Amino acid sequence: MKTTNRNKGGFRNIFSSHSASPDNSISKSSTHSVSSSSSTSSPYPSPPSSCPSTPLHTFSESMMEENIDNAEILITKWNLQTNAGFAAVSSLFYDDRTEAKDFISCVKDLQRAMRFFILPENSNSVLLIRSQNLMEAAMKRLQKEFYQILSANRDRLDPESISGHGSEKSRGSISSDYDEEIETSDEDEIQRVSNSINEVEQVGTVAMNDLKMISDCMISSGYGKEVVKIYKIIRKSIVDEGLYKLGVERLTAAQINKMDWEMLDFKIKNWVYAVKIAVRTLFLGERIICDYVFTSETSRVSCFTAIMKDSALELFQFPELVAKGKKSPEKMFRILDLYDAISELWPEIESIFSYQSMSDVRTQAVSSLLKLGEAVRAMLTDFEAAIQKDSSKALVPGGGIHPLTRYVMNYICFLSDYTVILSDIVADWPLPEHTSLPESYFDSSLDTEDDSTSTIAVRFAWLVLVLLCKLDGKAALYKEVPLSYLFLANNLNYVVSKVRGSNLQFLLGEEWISKHELKVKQYSINYERIGWSKVLSSLPTNPTSNISLDATKECLSSFNTAFETAYRTQSSWVVTDSKLRDQIKVSICEKVVPVYREFYDTNRAALSGERNVEALVRYSPDDLMNYLSDLFYGMKVSGSGSSTANSSRHSSSSH
């Protein structure tokens, strides 16, 4: 005799292993043939008359027949074919849950009876056919119930709600929200809302239990294919609807490349928002439901894979398509956002899609990460090259902040907000071998304990150095040497201030900042030394010594000429930082005004009797301070006369 062939542990093809005809199988026609030869007093055939009369039944056989009789009563009541009116419009699990449990119990008893009668020593084809017919009717009923429960509870079994219940964090958050609302809302209303939520949760829990009960019963009876098919169709529609509501859409590489930046930027921001909800609620919730409803690992894997795989692959493919598209500086930060989102979600992605059948999803997520990392490194390389290739020779009026300085430093400062992500991306990406960096440029503050942080710190320091070298070349374009130093002071001071006001201060360190602040000061000193050297040299070394009247006149004439030239030239120059501007002006005043005041006070009496004394002594010490206080605002003046009026108006508020 052949070994019994069971369908997934059930008895759907239970007759295939027992001979009831020459071809060793029992067809539907043979079933009817056996039935027609039975007594008309019963709808089902009695044992053949040839059976021995003593004993008529064993005890076990009697018990099995009784199980079949009991199952027939309840299954017939809910049979969609024999009782179409009542059974079609009623719900077994909704109308009477006790009877629903009894129905499941009857099916299990029916299974036991079929297992008993399939044994060679207990073989009874008539009872097997009767049991199989009842089993078919019961499975059709449960199939309908399974579909109804899934359809009627779409809202209560949405993945977002399920994932919230499956997370301790979510439960704590819900509790916290209630605590806050109780303080500001009516307690009765809160109680009503709480009861309503509890009711919805309870209904959802009951539905999941019912689904599990039905799936276990049908799969153990050999009808796993039917229950799995229904589950896949309905649950996939829910997941697809959830992704649609999140704005997730299928895009091709061609479509992405054709998008203008504004539209692509919107798509990327929406994806970053959507993927976190999709993974933490939609995918996680569906995995929780699937694992709960199906005890069979095979069914779990089959259902979850069919429902999720295509949607997840499309979702995680989007970043890779963006990374492969056209690269531009403004895309850098959105690329980093995409990388950050996947990196943050990776532990959950790995856990949710842990089945071997979902390895393609994990592979796609990793592939997107790798492509995004490659895109970031390529854009960093392009960014550095763009700085080095900048060939603009346009001079910034007054030696102010160069547009390249603003652009590069703002860009680098924004990049520093992604230090953790960039550290991961550039961890195994050293600077090019041909790069020559002065050892003094990298101080001990860059040698952090974290190698990855040290790597990105060196990368940022290198980009800043590339900028500073470029600024040195642009400073050389100025014809006035003092202005070139003022330009360097302005721009380096801007660089230092941006570093100090961003995450770069933690990467480059205080020692780097202090070292470059000293360089700003040195640039300022060089500007003063060269820009005001003629003014200072026009005054005597010892301003209090007695010199001849002619020498005094000559000295005053030289001072007037030198001061007016310096002032007229430098009145259009700029120091953008107020603190640096005040420091430079105070330093100039301290060098010029005290010396001039001593000379002025010493020789004023001797010059008082001279004709045209106002032409000789054009400036009092206070006038000089007023003039100097007007410097570095970038306001060009035509001569000392126009400035005098302006200075007199501000004299009351000057130093």
Foldseek 3Di string as FASTA:
>chain_A
DDDADAQLQACLLRQQCAAPDPVSGADPVNLVVQQVPADPVDSFHDADPVDDVVPPDDPVLVQLVVLLVVLCVLLCCLQCPNPVPVNVPDAPCVPDVVSVVVNLVSLVSLRVSLVQCSDPVNPDVRSNSSSSVSNVRSLVSLLVNLLVLLVVCLPLLAQQVQLLVVDPVSVVVVVVVLVVVPVPDDPVVSVVVVVVVVVSNVSSVSSLVSLLSSCVSCSNNNNNVSSLVSLQVSLLVSLVVLCVVLVDDFDDLVRLQPDDPVVNVVVLVSLLVSVVCCLSGRLSSVLVSLVSNDVDPVSSVVRSCSRPQVVLLRSLQVLLSNLPHDDDLVCLVSLLSNLVSLVVCVVSQCVSQVDPSNVSSNVSNVSSNVSSLVSNVVVLVVVLVCLLPDDDQDADWQLAADPSLVVLLVSLQVVLVSLVSVLVSCVVPADDPPDDDPPVLQDPLLVDPDSSLSRVLVSSSVSVVSNLVSLLVNLVSDPDVLSSLLNSLQSLVVNLVSCVVGSNCNNRHPVNSVVSVVVSVVSLVVSLCRLCVQLLVLFDPQLQDDDDPVNLLSSLVSNVVSVFVSLLVQQQHARPDPVVLVVSLVVNLVRRLVRVQNNCVNCVVVLPPDPPSCVRCVDHSLQVQLSSVSGRPRDHDDTDVVVSVVSVVCSVVTD
